[in-house]
Amino acid sequence: MKVWLNDETKQMQETVTLQQALDAWKYTGSGFAVAINHEFVPKQNYGAIKLKAGDKIDIVTPMQGG
């Protein structure tokens, strides 16, 4: 299935959780936030959420500056 990651398409398995996808994309630790289809997802839910074809995943990292 195809999903969108920060406006780029990614090919994924049919049954993959958000946590599995993040691991595959090398997003580890706690220095980022995730939204699926414009709704932020609490970190404790990453392992329970199954991605669906066409999901739009945005990963946001903090930036310094003003």
N, C-alpha and C. Protein backbone atom coordinates (compact mmCIF):
# COMPACT_ATOMS: atom_id res chain seq x y z
N MET A 1 0.84 -1.18 0.00
CA MET A 1 0.00 0.00 0.00
C MET A 1 0.88 1.23 0.00
N LYS A 2 0.34 2.33 -0.48
CA LYS A 2 1.07 3.60 -0.49
C LYS A 2 0.53 4.51 0.60
N VAL A 3 1.45 5.16 1.29
CA VAL A 3 1.11 6.21 2.25
C VAL A 3 1.97 7.42 1.90
N TRP A 4 1.62 8.54 2.46
CA TRP A 4 2.39 9.77 2.26
C TRP A 4 3.15 10.08 3.53
N LEU A 5 4.45 10.35 3.39
CA LEU A 5 5.28 10.75 4.52
C LEU A 5 5.89 12.11 4.18
N ASN A 6 5.44 13.13 4.88
CA ASN A 6 5.93 14.50 4.64
C ASN A 6 5.92 14.82 3.14
N ASP A 7 4.80 14.56 2.50
CA ASP A 7 4.55 14.88 1.09
C ASP A 7 5.32 14.02 0.09
N GLU A 8 5.86 12.88 0.53
CA GLU A 8 6.50 11.92 -0.38
C GLU A 8 5.78 10.58 -0.23
N THR A 9 5.58 9.88 -1.34
CA THR A 9 4.93 8.57 -1.24
C THR A 9 5.92 7.52 -0.76
N LYS A 10 5.40 6.61 0.04
CA LYS A 10 6.18 5.48 0.55
C LYS A 10 5.35 4.22 0.34
N GLN A 11 6.01 3.17 -0.08
CA GLN A 11 5.36 1.87 -0.24
C GLN A 11 5.54 1.09 1.07
N MET A 12 4.42 0.59 1.62
CA MET A 12 4.45 -0.13 2.89
C MET A 12 3.72 -1.45 2.76
N GLN A 13 3.93 -2.34 3.73
CA GLN A 13 3.16 -3.58 3.80
C GLN A 13 1.70 -3.23 4.10
N GLU A 14 0.81 -4.16 3.82
CA GLU A 14 -0.61 -3.92 4.07
C GLU A 14 -0.92 -3.77 5.56
N THR A 15 -0.28 -4.56 6.40
CA THR A 15 -0.57 -4.49 7.83
C THR A 15 0.67 -4.01 8.57
N VAL A 16 0.75 -2.73 8.77
CA VAL A 16 1.89 -2.15 9.47
C VAL A 16 1.36 -1.10 10.45
N THR A 17 1.95 -1.10 11.64
CA THR A 17 1.56 -0.09 12.62
C THR A 17 2.40 1.17 12.40
N LEU A 18 1.94 2.24 12.99
CA LEU A 18 2.70 3.49 12.91
C LEU A 18 4.09 3.28 13.50
N GLN A 19 4.20 2.57 14.61
CA GLN A 19 5.51 2.34 15.23
C GLN A 19 6.44 1.56 14.30
N GLN A 20 5.93 0.54 13.63
CA GLN A 20 6.75 -0.23 12.69
C GLN A 20 7.23 0.64 11.53
N ALA A 21 6.34 1.50 11.05
CA ALA A 21 6.71 2.40 9.96
C ALA A 21 7.78 3.39 10.41
N LEU A 22 7.61 3.95 11.61
CA LEU A 22 8.60 4.89 12.12
C LEU A 22 9.96 4.22 12.29
N ASP A 23 9.96 2.99 12.77
CA ASP A 23 11.22 2.25 12.91
C ASP A 23 11.87 2.05 11.54
N ALA A 24 11.07 1.67 10.54
CA ALA A 24 11.60 1.45 9.19
C ALA A 24 12.16 2.73 8.59
N TRP A 25 11.56 3.86 8.94
CA TRP A 25 12.01 5.16 8.42
C TRP A 25 13.09 5.78 9.29
N LYS A 26 13.55 5.05 10.31
CA LYS A 26 14.65 5.47 11.20
C LYS A 26 14.29 6.66 12.10
N TYR A 27 13.01 6.77 12.47
CA TYR A 27 12.59 7.78 13.45
C TYR A 27 12.53 7.10 14.80
N THR A 28 13.50 7.40 15.67
CA THR A 28 13.54 6.82 17.00
C THR A 28 13.70 7.94 18.01
N GLY A 29 13.49 7.63 19.25
CA GLY A 29 13.62 8.63 20.30
C GLY A 29 12.34 9.42 20.47
N SER A 30 12.49 10.61 21.05
CA SER A 30 11.31 11.41 21.36
C SER A 30 11.39 12.82 20.80
N GLY A 31 12.29 13.09 19.87
CA GLY A 31 12.48 14.44 19.37
C GLY A 31 11.60 14.81 18.19
N PHE A 32 10.40 14.24 18.12
CA PHE A 32 9.50 14.54 17.00
C PHE A 32 8.06 14.28 17.41
N ALA A 33 7.14 14.81 16.64
CA ALA A 33 5.70 14.57 16.83
C ALA A 33 5.15 14.05 15.51
N VAL A 34 4.07 13.27 15.59
CA VAL A 34 3.49 12.66 14.40
C VAL A 34 2.02 13.01 14.31
N ALA A 35 1.60 13.33 13.08
CA ALA A 35 0.18 13.54 12.79
C ALA A 35 -0.18 12.62 11.63
N ILE A 36 -1.35 12.01 11.72
CA ILE A 36 -1.89 11.22 10.61
C ILE A 36 -3.16 11.89 10.16
N ASN A 37 -3.20 12.23 8.88
CA ASN A 37 -4.36 12.92 8.31
C ASN A 37 -4.72 14.16 9.13
N HIS A 38 -3.70 14.91 9.50
CA HIS A 38 -3.81 16.20 10.19
C HIS A 38 -4.25 16.09 11.65
N GLU A 39 -4.18 14.89 12.25
CA GLU A 39 -4.50 14.72 13.67
C GLU A 39 -3.27 14.19 14.39
N PHE A 40 -2.82 14.93 15.41
CA PHE A 40 -1.64 14.48 16.15
C PHE A 40 -1.95 13.20 16.89
N VAL A 41 -0.94 12.34 16.97
CA VAL A 41 -1.07 11.03 17.60
C VAL A 41 -0.18 11.00 18.83
N PRO A 42 -0.75 10.67 20.00
CA PRO A 42 0.09 10.54 21.20
C PRO A 42 1.08 9.39 21.04
N LYS A 43 2.29 9.58 21.53
CA LYS A 43 3.35 8.59 21.37
C LYS A 43 2.94 7.21 21.89
N GLN A 44 2.19 7.16 22.97
CA GLN A 44 1.79 5.87 23.54
C GLN A 44 0.84 5.09 22.63
N ASN A 45 0.31 5.72 21.58
CA ASN A 45 -0.60 5.04 20.65
C ASN A 45 0.08 4.56 19.37
N TYR A 46 1.37 4.86 19.19
CA TYR A 46 2.05 4.51 17.94
C TYR A 46 1.96 3.03 17.61
N GLY A 47 2.07 2.15 18.60
CA GLY A 47 2.04 0.71 18.35
C GLY A 47 0.66 0.16 18.08
N ALA A 48 -0.38 0.90 18.41
CA ALA A 48 -1.75 0.42 18.25
C ALA A 48 -2.40 0.88 16.94
N ILE A 49 -1.84 1.90 16.32
CA ILE A 49 -2.47 2.46 15.12
C ILE A 49 -1.96 1.74 13.87
N LYS A 50 -2.88 1.16 13.13
CA LYS A 50 -2.54 0.50 11.87
C LYS A 50 -2.72 1.52 10.74
N LEU A 51 -1.71 1.63 9.91
CA LEU A 51 -1.78 2.56 8.79
C LEU A 51 -2.69 2.00 7.70
N LYS A 52 -3.32 2.90 6.97
CA LYS A 52 -4.20 2.53 5.86
C LYS A 52 -3.68 3.19 4.58
N ALA A 53 -3.99 2.57 3.46
CA ALA A 53 -3.58 3.13 2.16
C ALA A 53 -4.06 4.56 2.05
N GLY A 54 -3.18 5.43 1.61
CA GLY A 54 -3.53 6.83 1.41
C GLY A 54 -3.36 7.72 2.62
N ASP A 55 -3.01 7.13 3.80
CA ASP A 55 -2.80 7.96 4.98
C ASP A 55 -1.72 8.98 4.71
N LYS A 56 -1.92 10.18 5.25
CA LYS A 56 -0.94 11.27 5.14
C LYS A 56 -0.29 11.43 6.50
N ILE A 57 1.00 11.08 6.57
CA ILE A 57 1.73 11.11 7.83
C ILE A 57 2.70 12.29 7.79
N ASP A 58 2.59 13.13 8.80
CA ASP A 58 3.49 14.28 8.92
C ASP A 58 4.32 14.09 10.17
N ILE A 59 5.64 14.18 10.03
CA ILE A 59 6.54 14.09 11.16
C ILE A 59 7.17 15.47 11.34
N VAL A 60 7.00 16.01 12.53
CA VAL A 60 7.44 17.36 12.81
C VAL A 60 8.54 17.31 13.88
N THR A 61 9.65 17.96 13.59
CA THR A 61 10.74 18.05 14.56
C THR A 61 10.93 19.51 14.97
N PRO A 62 11.32 19.73 16.22
CA PRO A 62 11.52 21.11 16.67
C PRO A 62 12.72 21.75 15.98
N MET A 63 12.61 23.05 15.78
CA MET A 63 13.70 23.81 15.14
C MET A 63 14.05 24.99 16.02
N GLN A 64 15.32 25.32 16.09
CA GLN A 64 15.73 26.50 16.83
C GLN A 64 15.60 27.74 15.96
N GLY A 65 15.42 28.82 16.59
CA GLY A 65 15.32 30.07 15.85
C GLY A 65 14.15 30.89 16.33
N GLY A 66 13.91 31.96 15.69
CA GLY A 66 12.84 32.82 16.18
C GLY A 66 12.08 33.30 15.09
